[in-house]
Every structure is written in structure tokens, then in C-alpha cells.
Amino acid sequence: MYQNKVYVTDILNKMGHIMERFKLLSRKKSFKKEEIDNIDYHLSEIMKVLNKYN
């Protein structure tokens, strides 16, 4: 059980870093539509997995 908690914490930390990086970059540059579509696709896939547990 302890390993599971550490693993979840690692994922949450990665998600936090991704959000901060995206915020920073989006203030400094414009992303191409294809890049935004790719990011949106992957976030949608993550949400599908998370929504299985609601």
C-alpha cells in the first residue's frame, strides 16, 4: 500500500510540473494548432482513465 501512495504522489507531482510548464510557455509563445490538439488528446485520455473511478 505504501508503494501505491508514493506512486500517486509522483504522478501528482508530474501533473503539477506539466501545468506550471504549460502556463509559463503559453505566456511566452503561441502553440501551433496541431500541438494544442495533441496536448488536448492526451489530457482527454487521462480524463477517460480517471473517470472510470467515479
PDB file of N, CA and C in Angstrom:
ATOM      1  N   MET A   1       0.834  -1.200   0.000  1.00  0.00           N
ATOM      2  CA  MET A   1       0.000   0.000   0.000  1.00  0.00           C
ATOM      3  C   MET A   1       0.868   1.248   0.000  1.00  0.00           C
ATOM      4  N   TYR A   2       1.969   1.241   0.721  1.00  0.00           N
ATOM      5  CA  TYR A   2       2.840   2.410   0.774  1.00  0.00           C
ATOM      6  C   TYR A   2       3.371   2.748  -0.613  1.00  0.00           C
ATOM      7  N   GLN A   3       3.779   1.722  -1.383  1.00  0.00           N
ATOM      8  CA  GLN A   3       4.298   1.963  -2.733  1.00  0.00           C
ATOM      9  C   GLN A   3       3.253   2.651  -3.601  1.00  0.00           C
ATOM     10  N   ASN A   4       2.004   2.274  -3.467  1.00  0.00           N
ATOM     11  CA  ASN A   4       0.933   2.892  -4.238  1.00  0.00           C
ATOM     12  C   ASN A   4       0.839   4.376  -3.925  1.00  0.00           C
ATOM     13  N   LYS A   5       0.946   4.741  -2.655  1.00  0.00           N
ATOM     14  CA  LYS A   5       0.864   6.146  -2.266  1.00  0.00           C
ATOM     15  C   LYS A   5       2.018   6.949  -2.858  1.00  0.00           C
ATOM     16  N   VAL A   6       3.205   6.393  -2.829  1.00  0.00           N
ATOM     17  CA  VAL A   6       4.373   7.069  -3.402  1.00  0.00           C
ATOM     18  C   VAL A   6       4.165   7.254  -4.903  1.00  0.00           C
ATOM     19  N   TYR A   7       3.666   6.245  -5.557  1.00  0.00           N
ATOM     20  CA  TYR A   7       3.438   6.302  -6.996  1.00  0.00           C
ATOM     21  C   TYR A   7       2.429   7.389  -7.341  1.00  0.00           C
ATOM     22  N   VAL A   8       1.345   7.479  -6.603  1.00  0.00           N
ATOM     23  CA  VAL A   8       0.335   8.510  -6.832  1.00  0.00           C
ATOM     24  C   VAL A   8       0.931   9.894  -6.595  1.00  0.00           C
ATOM     25  N   THR A   9       1.744  10.032  -5.567  1.00  0.00           N
ATOM     26  CA  THR A   9       2.402  11.309  -5.288  1.00  0.00           C
ATOM     27  C   THR A   9       3.312  11.709  -6.449  1.00  0.00           C
ATOM     28  N   ASP A  10       4.034  10.746  -7.010  1.00  0.00           N
ATOM     29  CA  ASP A  10       4.898  11.025  -8.162  1.00  0.00           C
ATOM     30  C   ASP A  10       4.084  11.523  -9.351  1.00  0.00           C
ATOM     31  N   ILE A  11       2.949  10.883  -9.593  1.00  0.00           N
ATOM     32  CA  ILE A  11       2.086  11.301 -10.707  1.00  0.00           C
ATOM     33  C   ILE A  11       1.542  12.706 -10.472  1.00  0.00           C
ATOM     34  N   LEU A  12       1.099  12.984  -9.257  1.00  0.00           N
ATOM     35  CA  LEU A  12       0.587  14.318  -8.945  1.00  0.00           C
ATOM     36  C   LEU A  12       1.668  15.380  -9.110  1.00  0.00           C
ATOM     37  N   ASN A  13       2.889  15.061  -8.701  1.00  0.00           N
ATOM     38  CA  ASN A  13       3.998  15.996  -8.888  1.00  0.00           C
ATOM     39  C   ASN A  13       4.260  16.255 -10.365  1.00  0.00           C
ATOM     40  N   LYS A  14       4.241  15.209 -11.181  1.00  0.00           N
ATOM     41  CA  LYS A  14       4.437  15.367 -12.625  1.00  0.00           C
ATOM     42  C   LYS A  14       3.336  16.238 -13.226  1.00  0.00           C
ATOM     43  N   MET A  15       2.098  15.993 -12.813  1.00  0.00           N
ATOM     44  CA  MET A  15       0.981  16.780 -13.339  1.00  0.00           C
ATOM     45  C   MET A  15       1.124  18.252 -12.969  1.00  0.00           C
ATOM     46  N   GLY A  16       1.587  18.509 -11.744  1.00  0.00           N
ATOM     47  CA  GLY A  16       1.821  19.881 -11.313  1.00  0.00           C
ATOM     48  C   GLY A  16       2.906  20.554 -12.132  1.00  0.00           C
ATOM     49  N   HIS A  17       3.981  19.828 -12.406  1.00  0.00           N
ATOM     50  CA  HIS A  17       5.069  20.367 -13.217  1.00  0.00           C
ATOM     51  C   HIS A  17       4.595  20.653 -14.642  1.00  0.00           C
ATOM     52  N   ILE A  18       3.783  19.751 -15.173  1.00  0.00           N
ATOM     53  CA  ILE A  18       3.248  19.946 -16.530  1.00  0.00           C
ATOM     54  C   ILE A  18       2.393  21.203 -16.581  1.00  0.00           C
ATOM     55  N   MET A  19       1.538  21.386 -15.601  1.00  0.00           N
ATOM     56  CA  MET A  19       0.670  22.567 -15.579  1.00  0.00           C
ATOM     57  C   MET A  19       1.489  23.856 -15.490  1.00  0.00           C
ATOM     58  N   GLU A  20       2.464  23.880 -14.600  1.00  0.00           N
ATOM     59  CA  GLU A  20       3.299  25.072 -14.449  1.00  0.00           C
ATOM     60  C   GLU A  20       4.082  25.361 -15.725  1.00  0.00           C
ATOM     61  N   ARG A  21       4.622  24.326 -16.345  1.00  0.00           N
ATOM     62  CA  ARG A  21       5.387  24.489 -17.589  1.00  0.00           C
ATOM     63  C   ARG A  21       4.486  25.012 -18.700  1.00  0.00           C
ATOM     64  N   PHE A  22       3.277  24.462 -18.806  1.00  0.00           N
ATOM     65  CA  PHE A  22       2.343  24.898 -19.840  1.00  0.00           C
ATOM     66  C   PHE A  22       1.953  26.359 -19.631  1.00  0.00           C
ATOM     67  N   LYS A  23       1.680  26.736 -18.380  1.00  0.00           N
ATOM     68  CA  LYS A  23       1.341  28.133 -18.081  1.00  0.00           C
ATOM     69  C   LYS A  23       2.472  29.068 -18.491  1.00  0.00           C
ATOM     70  N   LEU A  24       3.689  28.701 -18.114  1.00  0.00           N
ATOM     71  CA  LEU A  24       4.848  29.532 -18.425  1.00  0.00           C
ATOM     72  C   LEU A  24       5.048  29.667 -19.933  1.00  0.00           C
ATOM     73  N   LEU A  25       5.014  28.550 -20.622  1.00  0.00           N
ATOM     74  CA  LEU A  25       5.236  28.582 -22.068  1.00  0.00           C
ATOM     75  C   LEU A  25       4.119  29.311 -22.808  1.00  0.00           C
ATOM     76  N   SER A  26       2.887  29.143 -22.349  1.00  0.00           N
ATOM     77  CA  SER A  26       1.760  29.771 -23.054  1.00  0.00           C
ATOM     78  C   SER A  26       1.782  31.290 -22.927  1.00  0.00           C
ATOM     79  N   ARG A  27       2.470  31.814 -21.904  1.00  0.00           N
ATOM     80  CA  ARG A  27       2.627  33.263 -21.787  1.00  0.00           C
ATOM     81  C   ARG A  27       3.696  33.787 -22.740  1.00  0.00           C
ATOM     82  N   LYS A  28       4.643  32.936 -23.100  1.00  0.00           N
ATOM     83  CA  LYS A  28       5.793  33.361 -23.879  1.00  0.00           C
ATOM     84  C   LYS A  28       5.681  33.056 -25.372  1.00  0.00           C
ATOM     85  N   LYS A  29       4.887  32.075 -25.743  1.00  0.00           N
ATOM     86  CA  LYS A  29       4.817  31.691 -27.146  1.00  0.00           C
ATOM     87  C   LYS A  29       3.423  31.202 -27.505  1.00  0.00           C
ATOM     88  N   SER A  30       3.174  31.155 -28.789  1.00  0.00           N
ATOM     89  CA  SER A  30       1.925  30.595 -29.293  1.00  0.00           C
ATOM     90  C   SER A  30       2.191  29.167 -29.740  1.00  0.00           C
ATOM     91  N   PHE A  31       1.311  28.287 -29.358  1.00  0.00           N
ATOM     92  CA  PHE A  31       1.416  26.907 -29.800  1.00  0.00           C
ATOM     93  C   PHE A  31       0.703  26.743 -31.131  1.00  0.00           C
ATOM     94  N   LYS A  32       1.201  25.838 -31.953  1.00  0.00           N
ATOM     95  CA  LYS A  32       0.536  25.501 -33.207  1.00  0.00           C
ATOM     96  C   LYS A  32      -0.737  24.728 -32.871  1.00  0.00           C
ATOM     97  N   LYS A  33      -1.697  24.795 -33.780  1.00  0.00           N
ATOM     98  CA  LYS A  33      -2.960  24.085 -33.569  1.00  0.00           C
ATOM     99  C   LYS A  33      -2.717  22.588 -33.371  1.00  0.00           C
ATOM    100  N   GLU A  34      -1.803  22.018 -34.137  1.00  0.00           N
ATOM    101  CA  GLU A  34      -1.505  20.584 -34.023  1.00  0.00           C
ATOM    102  C   GLU A  34      -0.942  20.249 -32.633  1.00  0.00           C
ATOM    103  N   GLU A  35      -0.135  21.142 -32.088  1.00  0.00           N
ATOM    104  CA  GLU A  35       0.422  20.910 -30.759  1.00  0.00           C
ATOM    105  C   GLU A  35      -0.667  20.958 -29.691  1.00  0.00           C
ATOM    106  N   ILE A  36      -1.550  21.934 -29.802  1.00  0.00           N
ATOM    107  CA  ILE A  36      -2.667  22.036 -28.848  1.00  0.00           C
ATOM    108  C   ILE A  36      -3.584  20.827 -28.968  1.00  0.00           C
ATOM    109  N   ASP A  37      -3.851  20.411 -30.216  1.00  0.00           N
ATOM    110  CA  ASP A  37      -4.686  19.226 -30.422  1.00  0.00           C
ATOM    111  C   ASP A  37      -4.047  17.989 -29.790  1.00  0.00           C
ATOM    112  N   ASN A  38      -2.729  17.863 -29.911  1.00  0.00           N
ATOM    113  CA  ASN A  38      -2.014  16.726 -29.327  1.00  0.00           C
ATOM    114  C   ASN A  38      -2.098  16.760 -27.802  1.00  0.00           C
ATOM    115  N   ILE A  39      -1.883  17.921 -27.208  1.00  0.00           N
ATOM    116  CA  ILE A  39      -1.994  18.072 -25.756  1.00  0.00           C
ATOM    117  C   ILE A  39      -3.415  17.748 -25.298  1.00  0.00           C
ATOM    118  N   ASP A  40      -4.400  18.274 -26.011  1.00  0.00           N
ATOM    119  CA  ASP A  40      -5.802  18.032 -25.664  1.00  0.00           C
ATOM    120  C   ASP A  40      -6.148  16.543 -25.751  1.00  0.00           C
ATOM    121  N   TYR A  41      -5.646  15.878 -26.773  1.00  0.00           N
ATOM    122  CA  TYR A  41      -5.901  14.446 -26.923  1.00  0.00           C
ATOM    123  C   TYR A  41      -5.377  13.671 -25.707  1.00  0.00           C
ATOM    124  N   HIS A  42      -4.148  13.941 -25.318  1.00  0.00           N
ATOM    125  CA  HIS A  42      -3.560  13.210 -24.207  1.00  0.00           C
ATOM    126  C   HIS A  42      -4.261  13.526 -22.882  1.00  0.00           C
ATOM    127  N   LEU A  43      -4.640  14.769 -22.694  1.00  0.00           N
ATOM    128  CA  LEU A  43      -5.395  15.111 -21.483  1.00  0.00           C
ATOM    129  C   LEU A  43      -6.755  14.413 -21.469  1.00  0.00           C
ATOM    130  N   SER A  44      -7.380  14.311 -22.630  1.00  0.00           N
ATOM    131  CA  SER A  44      -8.668  13.601 -22.724  1.00  0.00           C
ATOM    132  C   SER A  44      -8.504  12.132 -22.380  1.00  0.00           C
ATOM    133  N   GLU A  45      -7.409  11.530 -22.816  1.00  0.00           N
ATOM    134  CA  GLU A  45      -7.145  10.127 -22.493  1.00  0.00           C
ATOM    135  C   GLU A  45      -6.930   9.951 -20.989  1.00  0.00           C
ATOM    136  N   ILE A  46      -6.221  10.868 -20.361  1.00  0.00           N
ATOM    137  CA  ILE A  46      -6.027  10.816 -18.913  1.00  0.00           C
ATOM    138  C   ILE A  46      -7.371  10.933 -18.208  1.00  0.00           C
ATOM    139  N   MET A  47      -8.214  11.844 -18.670  1.00  0.00           N
ATOM    140  CA  MET A  47      -9.536  12.020 -18.048  1.00  0.00           C
ATOM    141  C   MET A  47     -10.402  10.772 -18.204  1.00  0.00           C
ATOM    142  N   LYS A  48     -10.294  10.074 -19.331  1.00  0.00           N
ATOM    143  CA  LYS A  48     -11.046   8.831 -19.520  1.00  0.00           C
ATOM    144  C   LYS A  48     -10.669   7.814 -18.443  1.00  0.00           C
ATOM    145  N   VAL A  49      -9.370   7.693 -18.186  1.00  0.00           N
ATOM    146  CA  VAL A  49      -8.904   6.748 -17.166  1.00  0.00           C
ATOM    147  C   VAL A  49      -9.425   7.167 -15.796  1.00  0.00           C
ATOM    148  N   LEU A  50      -9.287   8.456 -15.476  1.00  0.00           N
ATOM    149  CA  LEU A  50      -9.724   8.936 -14.152  1.00  0.00           C
ATOM    150  C   LEU A  50     -11.242   8.830 -13.981  1.00  0.00           C
ATOM    151  N   ASN A  51     -11.997   9.042 -15.047  1.00  0.00           N
ATOM    152  CA  ASN A  51     -13.459   8.986 -14.961  1.00  0.00           C
ATOM    153  C   ASN A  51     -13.989   7.565 -14.734  1.00  0.00           C
ATOM    154  N   LYS A  52     -13.170   6.565 -14.998  1.00  0.00           N
ATOM    155  CA  LYS A  52     -13.584   5.186 -14.744  1.00  0.00           C
ATOM    156  C   LYS A  52     -13.849   4.963 -13.250  1.00  0.00           C
ATOM    157  N   TYR A  53     -13.262   5.789 -12.401  1.00  0.00           N
ATOM    158  CA  TYR A  53     -13.344   5.565 -10.955  1.00  0.00           C
ATOM    159  C   TYR A  53     -14.357   6.448 -10.272  1.00  0.00           C
ATOM    160  N   ASN A  54     -15.173   7.146 -11.034  1.00  0.00           N
ATOM    161  CA  ASN A  54     -16.230   7.983 -10.428  1.00  0.00           C
ATOM    162  C   ASN A  54     -17.485   7.190 -10.220  1.00  0.00           C
TER     163      ASN A  54
END
